[in-house]
C-alpha cells in the first residue's frame, strides 16, 4: 500500500470513525449515508449510517441502494474501453468512421471528433442540459446534437456535457446491438458480482433496502421528488450500494483484473484514467477553503477526474441531483478506494467526505470538513439567492401581455428539444413540456414563467410575432453563452 504504513495501520486509523460519522450526519442534517473503503484489495470498512427512510425509521446499511448520479460516467468510459478491446472502436480515430449518425453541427468537429474528445468533455459543446429538460425517456441524443452550437473552439477547453455521455450510451447500442444496460450488465456488473446495481429507479423500488430521497423545505426535511432518470442513461442513471461500488473501484485499482482474471487489458482501462482536458486553476475547495491549498493539478480524464490531494494522486467522480449526493474515488499509488453515498444534496458530505477518510488513512492532520461543508452550502445558497434577486430586479413591473391568452396557444417545436404545447384551461395558460404540465404565469410584456416541477426549475418563455403581428414562435435562453433558441409554432401538429 505505502512505504509509510501497512494494512493493519490503515485499519487502526479508522478507529473512532463510526462515532465521527454519526456526529457528522447529525450536524449536517444528512438522513442516511452508506460508505465502503477498500485497501490492498480488501474491504476494510463497509457500513451504513442514519436512515434510508425517515418515515419508516429504516436504518441505512452497506447494502442500501442510492442513486450515484454522474458517477455513471466511469461505467460508460469503461464500456468504451471494452469496445476498443473488441475492435469495434479506436480511441483516436474520428467517431464518424464507426458511427456516421454521431453528427455535430460544425463541419470541422464533425470530421475530426474522437471518442477521447467526447469522453473528455473537450468538443467545445457546453452543457446543453435543456435537451433533456423534458425528461422524456425515449429521447435519442444523436438526433439532437447536430442542431446544437458549440461555445468554445474544438479541443481548447473543458465544458461538462452530460449529453455526450448519453450519446455514447447510444453508440454502445449501435456498435454491439445490445442496449447500454444489457452491455454494462453482461460485461461489467456480472463479472464484478455487482448484484445490487440497477439502471432505473423503477427496478430499485422493487427492492426492500433502498434510500428514500430528501430535501430541506422551510427548515424541515421532507421527501424529494423521486423520478426515474431513464433519460440520463450513460450519464447519470445508475443506482448502487457502497459495497457494490467498491467492487468497481477494486477493478480499476487492479487495472482490469477480477480475482486475478483479466476482464479488460490494463492498456485500455488505464486510458480511461489519462488526463484529456485541464480543469480550471481553482478547485471547489480553493473557493471555500482558501486558507490552505489542498488540491492541485485537476484535469478531466475519460469518465474520471484526476487531481493531487495533499500530494497524493487520486481519480474520482461525483454525482448528484435533488435528493442524492455521491463520490467514488481511488488512489492508485496507495491502492485505496472510497465510496460514499447520501440521500440528500442539502449537504455536500457525499462529495467531500472522502478527503476526511484519506486524512485518517494517511495519518495527516485532519481538516474540519464539517465546517467546509457548511461553507459550501452557504456559498451555494447565497448564489441561489443572488440569482433570484437578479431575476426579480430584471422584471419590469406593471406590464401586461399585448394579446389575448388564446393567441399564445399552440404547439412550438425546435429540433433539439422537447416541444411546448400551450392550451387555455379555465382562463389560464397551461403548458405541456415533456413530462411536465404547469401554468404559464405572466412575467412581463410577452414573457411568461414556466415551472418544470420535477426539479423545481423555472424558465422564461418569450413569445415572438411576425410582421403581421401573429405569434409565430417563442424564444428560450436554453444556454447562457448562446442566443435564445427559437421554437417555431406549428400550424397543424400531427
Protein backbone atom coordinates (compact mmCIF):
# COMPACT_ATOMS: atom_id res chain seq x y z
CA UNK A 1 0.00 0.00 0.00
CA UNK A 2 2.59 2.55 1.09
CA UNK A 3 6.08 2.83 2.40
CA UNK A 4 4.78 4.70 5.44
CA UNK A 5 2.13 2.31 6.74
CA UNK A 6 0.60 -1.10 6.19
CA UNK A 7 -2.91 -2.50 6.04
CA UNK A 8 -3.14 -3.02 9.78
CA UNK A 9 -2.12 0.58 10.34
CA UNK A 10 -4.85 1.70 7.97
CA UNK A 11 -7.48 -0.25 9.90
CA UNK A 12 -6.27 1.17 13.19
CA UNK A 13 -6.54 4.71 11.85
CA UNK A 14 -10.23 4.16 11.15
CA UNK A 15 -10.95 3.57 14.85
CA UNK A 16 -13.47 6.13 16.02
CA UNK A 17 -14.85 6.69 12.53
CA UNK A 18 -18.27 5.27 13.50
CA UNK A 19 -18.81 7.92 16.14
CA UNK A 20 -17.49 10.68 13.91
CA UNK A 21 -19.87 9.72 11.10
CA UNK A 22 -22.84 9.61 13.45
CA UNK A 23 -21.93 13.11 14.62
CA UNK A 24 -21.35 14.28 11.05
CA UNK A 25 -24.74 13.25 9.65
CA UNK A 26 -26.49 14.74 12.68
CA UNK A 27 -24.69 18.08 12.43
CA UNK A 28 -25.10 18.33 8.69
CA UNK A 29 -28.69 17.03 8.63
CA UNK A 30 -27.97 14.07 6.38
CA UNK A 31 -30.77 11.48 6.71
CA UNK A 32 -28.73 8.46 5.57
CA UNK A 33 -25.23 7.55 4.41
CA UNK A 34 -23.51 4.47 3.02
CA UNK A 35 -19.73 4.10 2.98
CA UNK A 36 -17.17 1.48 1.96
CA UNK A 37 -13.38 1.62 1.99
CA UNK A 38 -11.05 -0.78 0.20
CA UNK A 39 -7.29 -1.04 0.78
CA UNK A 40 -4.85 -3.55 -0.68
CA UNK A 41 -7.77 -5.28 -2.43
CA UNK A 42 -9.60 -5.84 0.86
CA UNK A 43 -12.77 -4.12 2.00
CA UNK A 44 -11.67 -2.78 5.39
CA UNK A 45 -14.79 -0.76 6.21
CA UNK A 46 -18.36 -1.02 4.92
CA UNK A 47 -21.34 0.37 6.84
CA UNK A 48 -24.50 2.42 6.76
CA UNK A 49 -25.44 5.33 9.00
CA UNK A 50 -28.67 7.14 9.70
CA UNK A 51 -31.86 6.24 7.92
CA UNK A 52 -32.72 5.08 4.44
CA UNK A 53 -36.32 6.05 5.19
CA UNK A 54 -37.16 8.54 7.94
CA UNK A 55 -40.88 7.79 7.99
CA UNK A 56 -40.35 4.05 8.38
CA UNK A 57 -37.23 4.60 10.54
CA UNK A 58 -35.41 2.11 8.30
CA UNK A 59 -31.67 2.07 9.01
CA UNK A 60 -29.24 2.68 6.15
CA UNK A 61 -26.86 -0.23 5.56
CA UNK A 62 -23.87 -1.04 3.39
CA UNK A 63 -26.37 -2.65 1.00
CA UNK A 64 -28.81 0.27 0.81
CA UNK A 65 -29.30 1.36 -2.81
CA UNK A 66 -28.67 5.04 -3.58
CA UNK A 67 -28.51 6.91 -6.90
CA UNK A 68 -24.91 7.54 -7.95
CA UNK A 69 -25.78 10.25 -10.49
CA UNK A 70 -22.88 11.24 -12.72
CA UNK A 71 -20.63 8.52 -11.35
CA UNK A 72 -22.44 6.56 -14.05
CA UNK A 73 -19.87 8.11 -16.42
CA UNK A 74 -16.95 5.86 -15.36
CA UNK A 75 -19.12 2.85 -16.25
CA UNK A 76 -19.67 4.35 -19.68
CA UNK A 77 -15.99 5.04 -20.28
CA UNK A 78 -15.16 1.51 -19.08
CA UNK A 79 -17.70 0.16 -21.59
CA UNK A 80 -15.99 2.20 -24.31
CA UNK A 81 -12.61 0.70 -23.35
CA UNK A 82 -14.20 -2.71 -23.87
CA UNK A 83 -15.46 -1.68 -27.31
CA UNK A 84 -11.90 -0.70 -28.19
CA UNK A 85 -10.69 -4.04 -26.84
CA UNK A 86 -13.27 -5.79 -29.02
CA UNK A 87 -12.03 -3.96 -32.12
CA UNK A 88 -15.29 -2.06 -32.58
CA UNK A 89 -13.83 1.38 -31.91
CA UNK A 90 -10.50 3.25 -31.73
CA UNK A 91 -9.55 5.89 -29.20
CA UNK A 92 -8.06 8.37 -31.67
CA UNK A 93 -9.96 7.75 -34.91
CA UNK A 94 -12.87 10.04 -35.92
CA UNK A 95 -16.13 8.76 -34.46
CA UNK A 96 -17.80 9.13 -37.90
CA UNK A 97 -15.72 6.17 -39.10
CA UNK A 98 -17.63 3.92 -36.71
CA UNK A 99 -20.95 5.69 -36.33
CA UNK A 100 -21.91 8.20 -39.06
CA UNK A 101 -25.08 9.05 -37.11
CA UNK A 102 -22.95 10.68 -34.37
CA UNK A 103 -23.08 14.12 -36.03
CA UNK A 104 -22.07 17.57 -34.85
CA UNK A 105 -23.17 20.92 -36.24
CA UNK A 106 -19.69 22.22 -37.02
CA UNK A 107 -18.08 20.56 -40.05
CA UNK A 108 -14.54 20.56 -38.59
CA UNK A 109 -15.71 18.97 -35.33
CA UNK A 110 -17.82 16.51 -37.27
CA UNK A 111 -14.85 15.42 -39.38
CA UNK A 112 -12.35 15.10 -36.53
CA UNK A 113 -14.05 14.42 -33.20
CA UNK A 114 -12.95 11.19 -31.48
CA UNK A 115 -14.28 9.19 -28.55
CA UNK A 116 -11.48 10.73 -26.44
CA UNK A 117 -12.85 14.21 -27.19
CA UNK A 118 -16.37 13.11 -26.35
CA UNK A 119 -15.49 11.42 -23.07
CA UNK A 120 -13.03 14.19 -22.13
CA UNK A 121 -15.62 17.00 -22.45
CA UNK A 122 -13.46 18.85 -24.98
CA UNK A 123 -15.73 19.02 -28.04
CA UNK A 124 -16.46 22.71 -27.47
CA UNK A 125 -20.07 21.90 -26.58
CA UNK A 126 -21.46 23.42 -23.38
CA UNK A 127 -23.84 21.51 -21.12
CA UNK A 128 -26.94 21.89 -23.31
CA UNK A 129 -28.92 20.34 -20.46
CA UNK A 130 -32.13 21.78 -21.87
CA UNK A 131 -32.05 18.90 -24.35
CA UNK A 132 -33.25 16.58 -21.58
CA UNK A 133 -35.31 19.05 -19.52
CA UNK A 134 -38.47 17.46 -20.85
CA UNK A 135 -37.37 14.29 -19.01
CA UNK A 136 -38.65 12.09 -21.83
CA UNK A 137 -37.30 8.53 -21.50
CA UNK A 138 -37.48 7.90 -25.26
CA UNK A 139 -35.18 10.76 -26.29
CA UNK A 140 -32.47 9.94 -28.86
CA UNK A 141 -29.46 12.19 -28.28
CA UNK A 142 -27.69 11.55 -31.58
CA UNK A 143 -30.70 13.10 -33.30
CA UNK A 144 -30.25 16.28 -31.26
CA UNK A 145 -26.50 17.03 -31.24
CA UNK A 146 -26.37 18.08 -34.90
CA UNK A 147 -28.66 21.03 -34.09
CA UNK A 148 -26.63 22.35 -31.15
CA UNK A 149 -23.95 25.05 -31.19
CA UNK A 150 -20.53 24.92 -29.60
CA UNK A 151 -19.42 27.81 -27.38
CA UNK A 152 -15.67 27.12 -27.38
CA UNK A 153 -13.23 26.13 -30.14
CA UNK A 154 -12.78 22.38 -30.53
CA UNK A 155 -10.27 20.83 -28.06
CA UNK A 156 -9.46 24.11 -26.34
CA UNK A 157 -11.49 23.95 -23.13
CA UNK A 158 -13.23 21.68 -20.66
CA UNK A 159 -17.02 22.01 -20.76
CA UNK A 160 -19.01 19.41 -18.86
CA UNK A 161 -21.64 17.95 -21.16
CA UNK A 162 -23.97 15.18 -19.96
CA UNK A 163 -25.49 14.61 -23.37
CA UNK A 164 -22.12 13.49 -24.76
CA UNK A 165 -22.25 10.52 -22.39
CA UNK A 166 -25.90 9.84 -23.19
CA UNK A 167 -24.93 9.74 -26.87
CA UNK A 168 -22.06 7.40 -26.02
CA UNK A 169 -24.57 5.02 -24.44
CA UNK A 170 -26.41 5.08 -27.78
CA UNK A 171 -23.08 4.41 -29.50
CA UNK A 172 -22.66 1.27 -27.38
CA UNK A 173 -26.01 0.02 -28.63
CA UNK A 174 -25.27 0.83 -32.30
CA UNK A 175 -21.92 -0.96 -32.23
CA UNK A 176 -22.97 -4.03 -30.22
CA UNK A 177 -26.68 -4.48 -30.93
CA UNK A 178 -27.27 -4.54 -27.16
CA UNK A 179 -28.77 -1.82 -25.03
CA UNK A 180 -26.44 0.13 -22.77
CA UNK A 181 -27.83 -1.60 -19.67
CA UNK A 182 -27.51 -5.05 -21.27
CA UNK A 183 -23.90 -4.45 -22.29
CA UNK A 184 -22.81 -2.98 -18.94
CA UNK A 185 -24.60 -5.74 -17.03
CA UNK A 186 -23.05 -8.51 -19.12
CA UNK A 187 -19.52 -7.11 -19.35
CA UNK A 188 -19.11 -5.25 -16.04
CA UNK A 189 -21.75 -5.87 -13.37
CA UNK A 190 -21.97 -9.67 -13.59
CA UNK A 191 -18.21 -10.36 -13.76
CA UNK A 192 -17.67 -7.99 -10.82
CA UNK A 193 -20.51 -9.52 -8.80
CA UNK A 194 -22.39 -6.21 -8.58
CA UNK A 195 -25.77 -7.76 -7.83
CA UNK A 196 -27.32 -4.67 -6.24
CA UNK A 197 -26.65 -2.19 -9.03
CA UNK A 198 -29.58 -1.03 -11.17
CA UNK A 199 -30.22 1.18 -14.19
CA UNK A 200 -33.62 2.52 -13.21
CA UNK A 201 -35.39 3.72 -10.10
CA UNK A 202 -38.35 1.54 -11.10
CA UNK A 203 -36.17 -1.54 -10.56
CA UNK A 204 -34.83 -0.06 -7.31
CA UNK A 205 -38.34 0.50 -5.97
CA UNK A 206 -38.96 -3.25 -6.25
CA UNK A 207 -36.22 -3.86 -3.66
CA UNK A 208 -36.66 -3.58 0.10
CA UNK A 209 -33.44 -1.78 1.07
CA UNK A 210 -33.24 1.45 -0.89
CA UNK A 211 -32.81 5.09 0.08
CA UNK A 212 -35.73 7.48 0.04
CA UNK A 213 -34.52 10.87 -1.25
CA UNK A 214 -34.82 14.05 0.83
CA UNK A 215 -34.59 17.82 0.61
CA UNK A 216 -34.99 20.73 3.02
CA UNK A 217 -38.12 22.80 2.84
CA UNK A 218 -38.97 25.65 5.21
CA UNK A 219 -36.36 24.44 7.68
CA UNK A 220 -37.58 20.83 7.72
CA UNK A 221 -36.51 17.65 5.96
CA UNK A 222 -39.12 16.37 3.51
CA UNK A 223 -39.18 13.73 0.80
CA UNK A 224 -37.84 14.90 -2.53
CA UNK A 225 -39.45 14.10 -5.86
CA UNK A 226 -38.01 10.74 -6.88
CA UNK A 227 -38.09 10.16 -10.60
CA UNK A 228 -36.64 7.53 -12.87
CA UNK A 229 -33.77 9.17 -14.78
CA UNK A 230 -34.19 6.97 -17.83
CA UNK A 231 -33.35 9.97 -19.99
CA UNK A 232 -29.88 10.08 -18.39
CA UNK A 233 -28.65 6.64 -19.47
CA UNK A 234 -24.88 6.58 -19.80
CA UNK A 235 -24.59 9.84 -17.90
CA UNK A 236 -26.43 9.61 -14.59
CA UNK A 237 -29.00 6.82 -14.28
CA UNK A 238 -27.20 4.10 -12.27
CA UNK A 239 -28.16 3.21 -8.69
CA UNK A 240 -25.88 1.17 -6.44
CA UNK A 241 -24.66 0.47 -2.91
CA UNK A 242 -21.49 1.37 -1.03
CA UNK A 243 -20.37 -2.26 -1.03
CA UNK A 244 -21.15 -2.87 -4.70
CA UNK A 245 -19.31 0.28 -5.76
CA UNK A 246 -16.10 -0.82 -4.05
CA UNK A 247 -16.11 -3.82 -6.40
CA UNK A 248 -15.97 -1.39 -9.29
CA UNK A 249 -13.19 0.60 -7.60
CA UNK A 250 -11.18 -2.58 -6.94
CA UNK A 251 -11.50 -3.47 -10.62
CA UNK A 252 -9.90 -0.15 -11.54
CA UNK A 253 -7.26 -0.43 -8.81
CA UNK A 254 -6.40 -3.91 -10.13
CA UNK A 255 -6.06 -2.45 -13.65
CA UNK A 256 -8.75 -4.55 -15.27
CA UNK A 257 -8.44 -7.79 -13.31
CA UNK A 258 -11.14 -9.50 -11.24
CA UNK A 259 -9.95 -12.22 -8.84
CA UNK A 260 -6.73 -12.39 -10.84
CA UNK A 261 -8.54 -12.84 -14.17
CA UNK A 262 -8.19 -10.16 -16.83
CA UNK A 263 -11.58 -8.69 -17.72
CA UNK A 264 -10.09 -5.77 -19.65
CA UNK A 265 -6.48 -5.15 -20.62
CA UNK A 266 -4.52 -2.71 -18.47
CA UNK A 267 -3.57 -0.78 -21.61
CA UNK A 268 -7.18 0.07 -22.46
CA UNK A 269 -8.50 0.52 -18.92
CA UNK A 270 -5.71 2.89 -17.94
CA UNK A 271 -6.52 5.05 -20.96
CA UNK A 272 -9.75 5.99 -19.20
CA UNK A 273 -7.58 7.35 -16.36
CA UNK A 274 -5.32 9.54 -18.51
CA UNK A 275 -5.91 13.32 -18.43
CA UNK A 276 -7.70 14.67 -21.50
CA UNK A 277 -8.53 18.24 -20.52
CA UNK A 278 -7.17 20.61 -17.89
CA UNK A 279 -9.74 21.96 -15.46
CA UNK A 280 -9.70 25.48 -14.07
CA UNK A 281 -6.85 26.77 -11.88
CA UNK A 282 -9.05 26.60 -8.78
CA UNK A 283 -10.97 23.72 -7.22
CA UNK A 284 -14.15 23.95 -5.18
CA UNK A 285 -12.04 23.52 -2.05
CA UNK A 286 -9.94 26.53 -3.07
CA UNK A 287 -13.08 28.65 -3.28
CA UNK A 288 -14.46 27.75 0.14
CA UNK A 289 -11.22 26.97 1.98
CA UNK A 290 -8.53 29.34 0.63
CA UNK A 291 -6.51 29.13 3.85
CA UNK A 292 -4.65 26.10 2.58
CA UNK A 293 -4.43 24.83 -0.98
CA UNK A 294 -5.28 21.13 -0.66
CA UNK A 295 -5.91 20.18 -4.27
CA UNK A 296 -3.51 20.54 -7.20
CA UNK A 297 -3.39 19.75 -10.93
CA UNK A 298 -7.03 18.97 -11.61
CA UNK A 299 -7.85 17.52 -15.01
CA UNK A 300 -10.66 15.53 -16.59
CA UNK A 301 -9.74 12.12 -17.93
CA UNK A 302 -12.38 9.89 -19.56
CA UNK A 303 -15.14 9.44 -17.01
CA UNK A 304 -12.79 10.31 -14.13
CA UNK A 305 -11.36 13.49 -12.63
CA UNK A 306 -7.65 13.49 -11.84
CA UNK A 307 -6.20 15.52 -9.00
CA UNK A 308 -3.49 15.50 -6.36
CA UNK A 309 -4.89 15.79 -2.86
CA UNK A 310 -2.22 16.82 -0.36
CA UNK A 311 0.38 15.37 -2.70
CA UNK A 312 -1.42 12.08 -3.41
CA UNK A 313 -2.72 11.16 -6.85
CA UNK A 314 -6.45 10.49 -6.88
CA UNK A 315 -9.08 9.69 -9.50
CA UNK A 316 -12.74 10.24 -8.70
CA UNK A 317 -16.15 11.11 -9.99
CA UNK A 318 -19.01 12.67 -8.13
CA UNK A 319 -22.72 12.50 -8.84
CA UNK A 320 -25.74 14.33 -7.54
CA UNK A 321 -29.20 15.60 -8.24
CA UNK A 322 -32.04 16.66 -5.98
CA UNK A 323 -32.15 14.18 -3.11
CA UNK A 324 -28.79 12.44 -3.50
CA UNK A 325 -25.05 13.00 -3.42
CA UNK A 326 -22.24 10.53 -4.18
CA UNK A 327 -18.47 10.22 -4.51
CA UNK A 328 -16.40 7.29 -5.75
CA UNK A 329 -12.61 7.66 -5.70
CA UNK A 330 -9.40 5.68 -5.74
CA UNK A 331 -5.73 6.43 -5.08
CA UNK A 332 -3.80 4.15 -7.47
CA UNK A 333 -0.37 4.63 -5.88
CA UNK A 334 -1.68 3.69 -2.43
CA UNK A 335 -4.21 1.04 -3.56
CA UNK A 336 -7.06 2.74 -1.69
CA UNK A 337 -10.68 3.16 -2.81
CA UNK A 338 -13.52 5.02 -1.09
CA UNK A 339 -17.21 5.19 -1.91
CA UNK A 340 -19.75 7.39 -0.09
CA UNK A 341 -23.47 7.84 -0.81
CA UNK A 342 -26.09 10.06 0.83
CA UNK A 343 -29.80 10.64 0.27
CA UNK A 344 -29.71 14.44 0.26
CA UNK A 345 -27.95 17.22 -1.62
CA UNK A 346 -28.62 19.77 1.14
CA UNK A 347 -25.17 18.73 2.37
CA UNK A 348 -22.05 18.11 0.29
CA UNK A 349 -20.69 15.43 2.62
CA UNK A 350 -21.37 12.95 -0.16
CA UNK A 351 -18.95 14.95 -2.34
CA UNK A 352 -16.16 15.88 0.09
CA UNK A 353 -16.05 13.40 2.97
CA UNK A 354 -13.62 11.10 1.15
CA UNK A 355 -10.98 13.74 1.90
CA UNK A 356 -11.51 13.17 5.62
CA UNK A 357 -11.10 9.41 5.12
CA UNK A 358 -7.86 9.96 3.22
CA UNK A 359 -6.57 12.20 6.01
CA UNK A 360 -7.31 9.43 8.50
CA UNK A 361 -5.76 6.63 6.45
CA UNK A 362 -2.59 8.61 5.78
CA UNK A 363 -2.26 9.89 9.32
CA UNK A 364 -2.44 13.52 8.16
CA UNK A 365 -3.54 16.48 10.24
CA UNK A 366 -7.30 16.48 9.90
CA UNK A 367 -9.17 19.28 8.19
CA UNK A 368 -12.62 20.21 9.54
CA UNK A 369 -14.74 19.06 6.63
CA UNK A 370 -17.97 19.56 8.51
CA UNK A 371 -17.17 23.28 8.68
CA UNK A 372 -16.17 23.23 4.99
CA UNK A 373 -19.46 21.54 4.12
CA UNK A 374 -21.29 24.35 5.90
CA UNK A 375 -19.27 26.90 3.93
CA UNK A 376 -20.10 25.15 0.66
CA UNK A 377 -23.82 25.10 1.35
CA UNK A 378 -23.77 28.74 2.46
CA UNK A 379 -21.94 29.64 -0.76
CA UNK A 380 -24.49 27.72 -2.87
CA UNK A 381 -27.50 29.21 -1.06
CA UNK A 382 -26.10 32.74 -1.34
CA UNK A 383 -25.55 32.22 -5.07
CA UNK A 384 -29.11 30.94 -5.45
CA UNK A 385 -30.46 33.93 -3.52
CA UNK A 386 -28.48 36.39 -5.65
CA UNK A 387 -29.83 34.72 -8.79
CA UNK A 388 -33.40 35.11 -7.56
CA UNK A 389 -32.77 38.74 -6.61
CA UNK A 390 -31.25 39.45 -10.04
CA UNK A 391 -34.22 37.88 -11.78
CA UNK A 392 -36.67 39.91 -9.67
CA UNK A 393 -34.69 43.10 -10.32
CA UNK A 394 -34.77 42.50 -14.09
CA UNK A 395 -38.54 42.01 -14.04
CA UNK A 396 -40.32 45.08 -15.39
CA UNK A 397 -43.23 45.75 -13.08
CA UNK A 398 -46.77 46.74 -14.02
CA UNK A 399 -46.62 45.46 -17.59
CA UNK A 400 -49.19 43.39 -19.45
CA UNK A 401 -49.09 40.93 -22.30
CA UNK A 402 -50.31 42.54 -25.53
CA UNK A 403 -52.60 39.75 -26.72
CA UNK A 404 -55.39 37.55 -25.51
CA UNK A 405 -54.11 34.39 -23.87
CA UNK A 406 -55.72 32.27 -26.58
CA UNK A 407 -53.35 33.86 -29.14
CA UNK A 408 -50.41 32.17 -27.42
CA UNK A 409 -51.91 28.69 -27.57
CA UNK A 410 -50.45 26.12 -29.93
CA UNK A 411 -47.51 23.77 -30.38
CA UNK A 412 -43.93 25.08 -30.61
CA UNK A 413 -41.01 22.99 -31.84
CA UNK A 414 -37.21 23.04 -32.05
CA UNK A 415 -35.34 20.00 -33.46
CA UNK A 416 -33.10 19.65 -30.40
CA UNK A 417 -35.67 19.97 -27.60
CA UNK A 418 -38.98 18.65 -26.35
CA UNK A 419 -41.93 20.52 -27.82
CA UNK A 420 -44.10 23.01 -25.94
CA UNK A 421 -47.87 22.82 -26.15
CA UNK A 422 -49.83 25.77 -24.75
CA UNK A 423 -53.54 25.41 -24.02
CA UNK A 424 -56.20 27.59 -22.46
CA UNK A 425 -57.88 25.91 -19.49
CA UNK A 426 -60.37 27.70 -17.26
CA UNK A 427 -58.97 31.05 -18.32
CA UNK A 428 -55.36 30.08 -17.60
CA UNK A 429 -52.50 29.43 -19.98
CA UNK A 430 -51.32 25.88 -19.33
CA UNK A 431 -48.23 24.33 -20.88
CA UNK A 432 -47.19 20.72 -21.53
CA UNK A 433 -43.44 20.22 -21.96
CA UNK A 434 -42.17 16.64 -21.96
CA UNK A 435 -43.49 15.07 -18.77
CA UNK A 436 -44.22 18.49 -17.22
CA UNK A 437 -47.60 20.21 -17.03
CA UNK A 438 -47.84 23.60 -15.37
CA UNK A 439 -49.42 27.01 -15.61
CA UNK A 440 -47.57 29.68 -17.59
CA UNK A 441 -47.71 32.82 -15.44
CA UNK A 442 -47.08 36.31 -16.77
CA UNK A 443 -43.60 37.74 -16.03
CA UNK A 444 -43.50 40.93 -18.12
CA UNK A 445 -44.58 42.01 -21.61
CA UNK A 446 -44.60 38.87 -23.84
CA UNK A 447 -42.56 36.79 -21.40
CA UNK A 448 -44.09 34.10 -19.18
CA UNK A 449 -42.68 31.92 -16.40
CA UNK A 450 -42.98 28.15 -16.73
CA UNK A 451 -42.13 25.89 -13.79
CA UNK A 452 -40.72 22.47 -14.59
CA UNK A 453 -41.95 20.83 -11.42
CA UNK A 454 -39.75 17.75 -11.09
CA UNK A 455 -36.60 19.64 -10.10
CA UNK A 456 -38.26 22.94 -9.23
CA UNK A 457 -36.64 24.72 -12.21
CA UNK A 458 -38.36 27.83 -13.58
CA UNK A 459 -37.71 29.05 -17.14
CA UNK A 460 -38.74 32.18 -19.01
CA UNK A 461 -40.56 31.85 -22.33
CA UNK A 462 -40.89 34.87 -24.63
CA UNK A 463 -43.45 34.76 -27.44
CA UNK A 464 -42.40 36.20 -30.80
CA UNK A 465 -44.53 37.75 -33.55
CA UNK A 466 -44.04 38.10 -37.30
CA UNK A 467 -44.55 41.31 -39.31
CA UNK A 468 -48.29 40.65 -39.46
CA UNK A 469 -48.45 40.71 -35.67
CA UNK A 470 -49.21 36.99 -35.44
CA UNK A 471 -47.49 34.85 -32.78
CA UNK A 472 -45.25 32.54 -34.82
CA UNK A 473 -42.78 31.24 -32.24
CA UNK A 474 -41.17 31.58 -28.87
CA UNK A 475 -37.64 32.08 -27.55
CA UNK A 476 -35.93 30.48 -24.57
CA UNK A 477 -32.45 31.04 -23.18
CA UNK A 478 -31.52 27.36 -23.24
CA UNK A 479 -27.78 28.01 -22.85
CA UNK A 480 -26.34 31.10 -21.14
CA UNK A 481 -23.47 31.64 -23.62
CA UNK A 482 -25.73 31.43 -26.70
CA UNK A 483 -28.52 33.49 -28.20
CA UNK A 484 -32.02 32.33 -27.17
CA UNK A 485 -33.27 29.28 -29.07
CA UNK A 486 -36.26 29.80 -31.37
CA UNK A 487 -39.17 27.36 -31.23
CA UNK A 488 -41.37 27.63 -34.32
CA UNK A 489 -45.13 27.49 -33.94
CA UNK A 490 -46.55 24.51 -35.81
CA UNK A 491 -49.79 25.23 -37.65
CA UNK A 492 -51.07 21.65 -37.89
CA UNK A 493 -49.12 19.48 -35.42
CA UNK A 494 -49.55 15.77 -36.04
